[in-house]
Amino acid sequence: QVQLVESGGGLVQAGGSLRLSCVASESILRFATMGWYRQAPGKQRELVAGFFSGSTGNYADSVKGRFTISRDNAKNTVYLQMNSLKPEDTAVYYCNAKNSLLHVDSWGKGTLVTVSS
């Protein structure tokens, strides 16, 4: 299974920005989907943004216009640029890589983002 390592989380004030990184142990071109998910305390994990069989990012309505997902295939890295952060963005953010044909559905350990009001 591919290993995914997230970084870039931290404590930020509302309105601030953070950039998360997800580094994969192998080429991310192997995966049909690469995405960022988040899980807030007491809530289910939810999709934030992802690449699904294409080069265009897809976003949850709650983050559209504020978050941007990007990728650097040469570095096996997916990024999540988060701007105009809100307290409700506080969560553990996870990276996911999936390829159904290869039976791969891997998750990183997550990085904590805390947004103070």
N, C-alpha and C. Protein backbone atom coordinates (compact mmCIF):
# COMPACT_ATOMS: atom_id res chain seq x y z
N GLN A 1 0.83 -1.19 0.00
CA GLN A 1 0.00 0.00 0.00
C GLN A 1 0.87 1.25 0.00
N VAL A 2 0.40 2.28 -0.68
CA VAL A 2 1.12 3.53 -0.71
C VAL A 2 1.09 4.17 0.67
N GLN A 3 2.17 4.81 1.02
CA GLN A 3 2.24 5.56 2.28
C GLN A 3 2.00 7.03 1.97
N LEU A 4 1.14 7.65 2.76
CA LEU A 4 0.81 9.06 2.59
C LEU A 4 1.16 9.81 3.86
N VAL A 5 1.87 10.91 3.73
CA VAL A 5 2.27 11.69 4.90
C VAL A 5 1.80 13.13 4.71
N GLU A 6 0.91 13.55 5.60
CA GLU A 6 0.40 14.93 5.56
C GLU A 6 1.25 15.83 6.47
N SER A 7 1.30 17.09 6.11
CA SER A 7 1.96 18.09 6.95
C SER A 7 1.36 19.45 6.66
N GLY A 8 1.69 20.42 7.50
CA GLY A 8 1.26 21.78 7.27
C GLY A 8 0.14 22.27 8.16
N GLY A 9 -0.41 21.39 8.98
CA GLY A 9 -1.46 21.83 9.88
C GLY A 9 -0.92 22.71 10.99
N GLY A 10 -1.84 23.27 11.74
CA GLY A 10 -1.42 24.12 12.85
C GLY A 10 -2.56 24.97 13.35
N LEU A 11 -2.22 25.93 14.18
CA LEU A 11 -3.18 26.86 14.75
C LEU A 11 -3.11 28.18 14.00
N VAL A 12 -4.27 28.66 13.57
CA VAL A 12 -4.33 29.91 12.82
C VAL A 12 -5.58 30.66 13.22
N GLN A 13 -5.51 31.97 13.13
CA GLN A 13 -6.69 32.78 13.44
C GLN A 13 -7.65 32.78 12.26
N ALA A 14 -8.90 33.02 12.57
CA ALA A 14 -9.91 33.13 11.52
C ALA A 14 -9.48 34.19 10.50
N GLY A 15 -9.67 33.84 9.23
CA GLY A 15 -9.24 34.72 8.16
C GLY A 15 -7.85 34.42 7.64
N GLY A 16 -7.13 33.59 8.36
CA GLY A 16 -5.77 33.25 7.97
C GLY A 16 -5.71 32.15 6.94
N SER A 17 -4.48 31.73 6.64
CA SER A 17 -4.25 30.73 5.60
C SER A 17 -3.29 29.65 6.08
N LEU A 18 -3.45 28.49 5.51
CA LEU A 18 -2.52 27.38 5.71
C LEU A 18 -2.39 26.62 4.39
N ARG A 19 -1.26 25.97 4.23
CA ARG A 19 -1.05 25.11 3.07
C ARG A 19 -0.68 23.72 3.55
N LEU A 20 -1.53 22.77 3.24
CA LEU A 20 -1.28 21.39 3.60
C LEU A 20 -0.58 20.67 2.45
N SER A 21 0.28 19.74 2.81
CA SER A 21 0.97 18.91 1.81
C SER A 21 0.72 17.44 2.12
N CYS A 22 0.64 16.66 1.08
CA CYS A 22 0.52 15.20 1.20
C CYS A 22 1.54 14.59 0.27
N VAL A 23 2.54 13.95 0.86
CA VAL A 23 3.58 13.31 0.08
C VAL A 23 3.33 11.81 0.03
N ALA A 24 3.33 11.27 -1.18
CA ALA A 24 3.10 9.84 -1.38
C ALA A 24 4.42 9.11 -1.59
N SER A 25 4.44 7.84 -1.19
CA SER A 25 5.66 7.04 -1.30
C SER A 25 5.89 6.51 -2.72
N GLU A 26 4.92 6.75 -3.60
CA GLU A 26 5.08 6.34 -4.98
C GLU A 26 4.34 7.30 -5.87
N SER A 27 4.46 7.10 -7.16
CA SER A 27 3.89 8.05 -8.10
C SER A 27 2.38 8.21 -7.91
N ILE A 28 1.95 9.45 -7.77
CA ILE A 28 0.52 9.70 -7.61
C ILE A 28 -0.23 9.55 -8.94
N LEU A 29 0.48 9.39 -10.02
CA LEU A 29 -0.17 9.15 -11.31
C LEU A 29 -0.85 7.79 -11.34
N ARG A 30 -0.49 6.92 -10.39
CA ARG A 30 -1.08 5.58 -10.34
C ARG A 30 -2.50 5.60 -9.80
N PHE A 31 -2.90 6.72 -9.22
CA PHE A 31 -4.17 6.74 -8.50
C PHE A 31 -5.22 7.56 -9.25
N ALA A 32 -6.37 6.92 -9.43
CA ALA A 32 -7.44 7.59 -10.15
C ALA A 32 -7.97 8.79 -9.37
N THR A 33 -7.94 8.67 -8.05
CA THR A 33 -8.39 9.79 -7.23
C THR A 33 -7.37 10.10 -6.14
N MET A 34 -7.17 11.38 -5.94
CA MET A 34 -6.36 11.88 -4.83
C MET A 34 -7.19 12.97 -4.17
N GLY A 35 -7.39 12.83 -2.86
CA GLY A 35 -8.26 13.80 -2.24
C GLY A 35 -7.88 14.16 -0.82
N TRP A 36 -8.46 15.26 -0.39
CA TRP A 36 -8.35 15.71 0.99
C TRP A 36 -9.72 15.57 1.65
N TYR A 37 -9.71 14.99 2.83
CA TYR A 37 -10.92 14.84 3.63
C TYR A 37 -10.64 15.46 5.00
N ARG A 38 -11.70 15.69 5.75
CA ARG A 38 -11.52 16.21 7.10
C ARG A 38 -12.55 15.60 8.04
N GLN A 39 -12.17 15.56 9.30
CA GLN A 39 -13.08 15.05 10.32
C GLN A 39 -12.99 15.93 11.55
N ALA A 40 -14.09 16.58 11.84
CA ALA A 40 -14.17 17.42 13.03
C ALA A 40 -14.64 16.57 14.21
N PRO A 41 -14.37 17.00 15.43
CA PRO A 41 -14.80 16.22 16.60
C PRO A 41 -16.30 15.96 16.59
N GLY A 42 -16.65 14.70 16.75
CA GLY A 42 -18.06 14.33 16.80
C GLY A 42 -18.76 14.28 15.47
N LYS A 43 -18.01 14.45 14.39
CA LYS A 43 -18.63 14.45 13.06
C LYS A 43 -18.01 13.38 12.18
N GLN A 44 -18.71 13.06 11.11
CA GLN A 44 -18.19 12.08 10.16
C GLN A 44 -17.13 12.72 9.26
N ARG A 45 -16.27 11.86 8.74
CA ARG A 45 -15.27 12.34 7.80
C ARG A 45 -15.98 12.80 6.52
N GLU A 46 -15.54 13.91 5.97
CA GLU A 46 -16.16 14.45 4.78
C GLU A 46 -15.11 14.86 3.76
N LEU A 47 -15.52 14.80 2.49
CA LEU A 47 -14.64 15.22 1.41
C LEU A 47 -14.50 16.74 1.44
N VAL A 48 -13.27 17.21 1.29
CA VAL A 48 -13.01 18.64 1.18
C VAL A 48 -12.74 19.01 -0.28
N ALA A 49 -11.79 18.30 -0.88
CA ALA A 49 -11.41 18.58 -2.27
C ALA A 49 -10.69 17.37 -2.82
N GLY A 50 -10.77 17.20 -4.14
CA GLY A 50 -10.08 16.05 -4.72
C GLY A 50 -9.98 16.12 -6.22
N PHE A 51 -9.08 15.30 -6.74
CA PHE A 51 -8.98 15.04 -8.17
C PHE A 51 -9.60 13.67 -8.42
N PHE A 52 -10.60 13.65 -9.29
CA PHE A 52 -11.30 12.41 -9.59
C PHE A 52 -11.23 12.14 -11.08
N SER A 53 -10.26 11.31 -11.48
CA SER A 53 -10.09 10.94 -12.88
C SER A 53 -9.94 12.14 -13.79
N GLY A 54 -9.23 13.14 -13.32
CA GLY A 54 -9.01 14.32 -14.15
C GLY A 54 -8.07 15.28 -13.46
N SER A 55 -7.79 16.36 -14.14
CA SER A 55 -6.86 17.34 -13.59
C SER A 55 -7.54 18.53 -12.94
N THR A 56 -8.85 18.51 -12.94
CA THR A 56 -9.62 19.61 -12.35
C THR A 56 -10.08 19.21 -10.96
N GLY A 57 -9.85 20.10 -10.02
CA GLY A 57 -10.24 19.80 -8.65
C GLY A 57 -11.74 19.93 -8.44
N ASN A 58 -12.25 19.11 -7.55
CA ASN A 58 -13.65 19.18 -7.14
C ASN A 58 -13.68 19.56 -5.66
N TYR A 59 -14.67 20.34 -5.27
CA TYR A 59 -14.68 20.90 -3.93
C TYR A 59 -16.03 20.74 -3.25
N ALA A 60 -15.97 20.61 -1.94
CA ALA A 60 -17.19 20.69 -1.16
C ALA A 60 -17.70 22.13 -1.23
N ASP A 61 -19.02 22.27 -1.19
CA ASP A 61 -19.61 23.61 -1.28
C ASP A 61 -19.08 24.53 -0.18
N SER A 62 -18.81 23.97 0.97
CA SER A 62 -18.40 24.79 2.11
C SER A 62 -17.02 25.42 1.95
N VAL A 63 -16.22 24.92 1.00
CA VAL A 63 -14.86 25.46 0.84
C VAL A 63 -14.63 26.08 -0.53
N LYS A 64 -15.61 26.03 -1.40
CA LYS A 64 -15.45 26.60 -2.74
C LYS A 64 -15.11 28.08 -2.65
N GLY A 65 -14.11 28.47 -3.44
CA GLY A 65 -13.68 29.86 -3.44
C GLY A 65 -12.67 30.20 -2.36
N ARG A 66 -12.46 29.28 -1.42
CA ARG A 66 -11.50 29.53 -0.34
C ARG A 66 -10.33 28.54 -0.38
N PHE A 67 -10.60 27.31 -0.77
CA PHE A 67 -9.57 26.28 -0.80
C PHE A 67 -9.23 25.95 -2.25
N THR A 68 -7.97 25.58 -2.46
CA THR A 68 -7.52 25.17 -3.79
C THR A 68 -6.65 23.93 -3.66
N ILE A 69 -7.00 22.90 -4.40
CA ILE A 69 -6.20 21.68 -4.43
C ILE A 69 -5.30 21.73 -5.65
N SER A 70 -4.07 21.28 -5.48
CA SER A 70 -3.13 21.25 -6.60
C SER A 70 -2.22 20.03 -6.42
N ARG A 71 -1.46 19.76 -7.45
CA ARG A 71 -0.59 18.58 -7.40
C ARG A 71 0.70 18.85 -8.13
N ASP A 72 1.76 18.19 -7.65
CA ASP A 72 3.05 18.20 -8.32
C ASP A 72 3.42 16.74 -8.53
N ASN A 73 3.18 16.26 -9.73
CA ASN A 73 3.39 14.84 -10.01
C ASN A 73 4.85 14.45 -9.85
N ALA A 74 5.75 15.36 -10.19
CA ALA A 74 7.18 15.05 -10.09
C ALA A 74 7.61 14.84 -8.64
N LYS A 75 6.90 15.49 -7.72
CA LYS A 75 7.23 15.37 -6.29
C LYS A 75 6.30 14.41 -5.57
N ASN A 76 5.40 13.78 -6.31
CA ASN A 76 4.42 12.86 -5.69
C ASN A 76 3.67 13.54 -4.55
N THR A 77 3.28 14.76 -4.77
CA THR A 77 2.70 15.58 -3.71
C THR A 77 1.40 16.24 -4.16
N VAL A 78 0.44 16.25 -3.25
CA VAL A 78 -0.81 16.97 -3.44
C VAL A 78 -0.90 18.02 -2.35
N TYR A 79 -1.34 19.20 -2.73
CA TYR A 79 -1.42 20.32 -1.80
C TYR A 79 -2.87 20.75 -1.60
N LEU A 80 -3.11 21.38 -0.47
CA LEU A 80 -4.39 22.03 -0.22
C LEU A 80 -4.11 23.41 0.35
N GLN A 81 -4.33 24.41 -0.48
CA GLN A 81 -4.18 25.79 -0.03
C GLN A 81 -5.50 26.24 0.56
N MET A 82 -5.45 26.66 1.81
CA MET A 82 -6.67 27.04 2.52
C MET A 82 -6.57 28.50 2.90
N ASN A 83 -7.46 29.30 2.35
CA ASN A 83 -7.51 30.74 2.63
C ASN A 83 -8.82 31.09 3.33
N SER A 84 -8.85 32.24 3.93
CA SER A 84 -10.05 32.74 4.61
C SER A 84 -10.61 31.67 5.55
N LEU A 85 -9.75 31.13 6.34
CA LEU A 85 -10.17 30.03 7.22
C LEU A 85 -11.18 30.50 8.26
N LYS A 86 -12.07 29.58 8.58
CA LYS A 86 -13.14 29.83 9.54
C LYS A 86 -13.02 28.84 10.70
N PRO A 87 -13.55 29.18 11.85
CA PRO A 87 -13.51 28.23 12.97
C PRO A 87 -14.12 26.88 12.61
N GLU A 88 -15.13 26.87 11.75
CA GLU A 88 -15.76 25.60 11.36
C GLU A 88 -14.89 24.75 10.45
N ASP A 89 -13.75 25.28 10.02
CA ASP A 89 -12.79 24.47 9.26
C ASP A 89 -11.89 23.65 10.19
N THR A 90 -12.02 23.86 11.48
CA THR A 90 -11.21 23.10 12.44
C THR A 90 -11.51 21.61 12.33
N ALA A 91 -10.47 20.83 12.10
CA ALA A 91 -10.64 19.38 11.92
C ALA A 91 -9.26 18.75 11.72
N VAL A 92 -9.26 17.44 11.75
CA VAL A 92 -8.08 16.70 11.29
C VAL A 92 -8.26 16.48 9.78
N TYR A 93 -7.27 16.84 9.02
CA TYR A 93 -7.32 16.74 7.57
C TYR A 93 -6.51 15.52 7.12
N TYR A 94 -7.15 14.71 6.30
CA TYR A 94 -6.54 13.46 5.83
C TYR A 94 -6.38 13.47 4.32
N CYS A 95 -5.31 12.86 3.89
CA CYS A 95 -5.06 12.65 2.47
C CYS A 95 -5.47 11.22 2.10
N ASN A 96 -6.04 11.07 0.91
CA ASN A 96 -6.49 9.76 0.45
C ASN A 96 -6.05 9.53 -0.98
N ALA A 97 -5.62 8.30 -1.25
CA ALA A 97 -5.27 7.89 -2.61
C ALA A 97 -6.05 6.62 -2.92
N LYS A 98 -6.66 6.59 -4.09
CA LYS A 98 -7.53 5.47 -4.40
C LYS A 98 -7.37 5.03 -5.86
N ASN A 99 -7.32 3.73 -6.04
CA ASN A 99 -7.35 3.15 -7.38
C ASN A 99 -8.08 1.82 -7.26
N SER A 100 -9.32 1.79 -7.68
CA SER A 100 -10.16 0.60 -7.51
C SER A 100 -9.60 -0.60 -8.26
N LEU A 101 -9.03 -0.35 -9.43
CA LEU A 101 -8.51 -1.46 -10.23
C LEU A 101 -7.33 -2.15 -9.53
N LEU A 102 -6.56 -1.36 -8.77
CA LEU A 102 -5.42 -1.91 -8.04
C LEU A 102 -5.78 -2.25 -6.61
N HIS A 103 -7.04 -2.09 -6.25
CA HIS A 103 -7.51 -2.36 -4.88
C HIS A 103 -6.73 -1.53 -3.86
N VAL A 104 -6.52 -0.28 -4.18
CA VAL A 104 -5.81 0.62 -3.29
C VAL A 104 -6.76 1.69 -2.77
N ASP A 105 -6.80 1.83 -1.46
CA ASP A 105 -7.58 2.89 -0.81
C ASP A 105 -6.83 3.24 0.45
N SER A 106 -5.87 4.14 0.32
CA SER A 106 -4.94 4.44 1.40
C SER A 106 -5.19 5.81 2.01
N TRP A 107 -4.93 5.87 3.32
CA TRP A 107 -5.12 7.12 4.07
C TRP A 107 -3.84 7.47 4.82
N GLY A 108 -3.59 8.77 4.92
CA GLY A 108 -2.53 9.22 5.79
C GLY A 108 -3.03 9.27 7.23
N LYS A 109 -2.14 9.67 8.14
CA LYS A 109 -2.50 9.72 9.55
C LYS A 109 -3.18 11.03 9.92
N GLY A 110 -3.14 11.99 9.04
CA GLY A 110 -3.83 13.24 9.27
C GLY A 110 -2.97 14.34 9.86
N THR A 111 -3.43 15.56 9.65
CA THR A 111 -2.78 16.73 10.25
C THR A 111 -3.87 17.64 10.80
N LEU A 112 -3.66 18.13 12.00
CA LEU A 112 -4.68 18.90 12.69
C LEU A 112 -4.63 20.37 12.30
N VAL A 113 -5.80 20.88 11.94
CA VAL A 113 -5.96 22.31 11.65
C VAL A 113 -6.92 22.88 12.69
N THR A 114 -6.48 23.90 13.38
CA THR A 114 -7.30 24.56 14.38
C THR A 114 -7.41 26.03 14.03
N VAL A 115 -8.64 26.49 13.87
CA VAL A 115 -8.88 27.89 13.52
C VAL A 115 -9.56 28.57 14.70
N SER A 116 -8.90 29.55 15.25
CA SER A 116 -9.46 30.26 16.40
C SER A 116 -10.25 31.49 15.94
N SER A 117 -11.28 31.80 16.72
CA SER A 117 -12.14 32.95 16.36
C SER A 117 -11.62 34.25 16.95
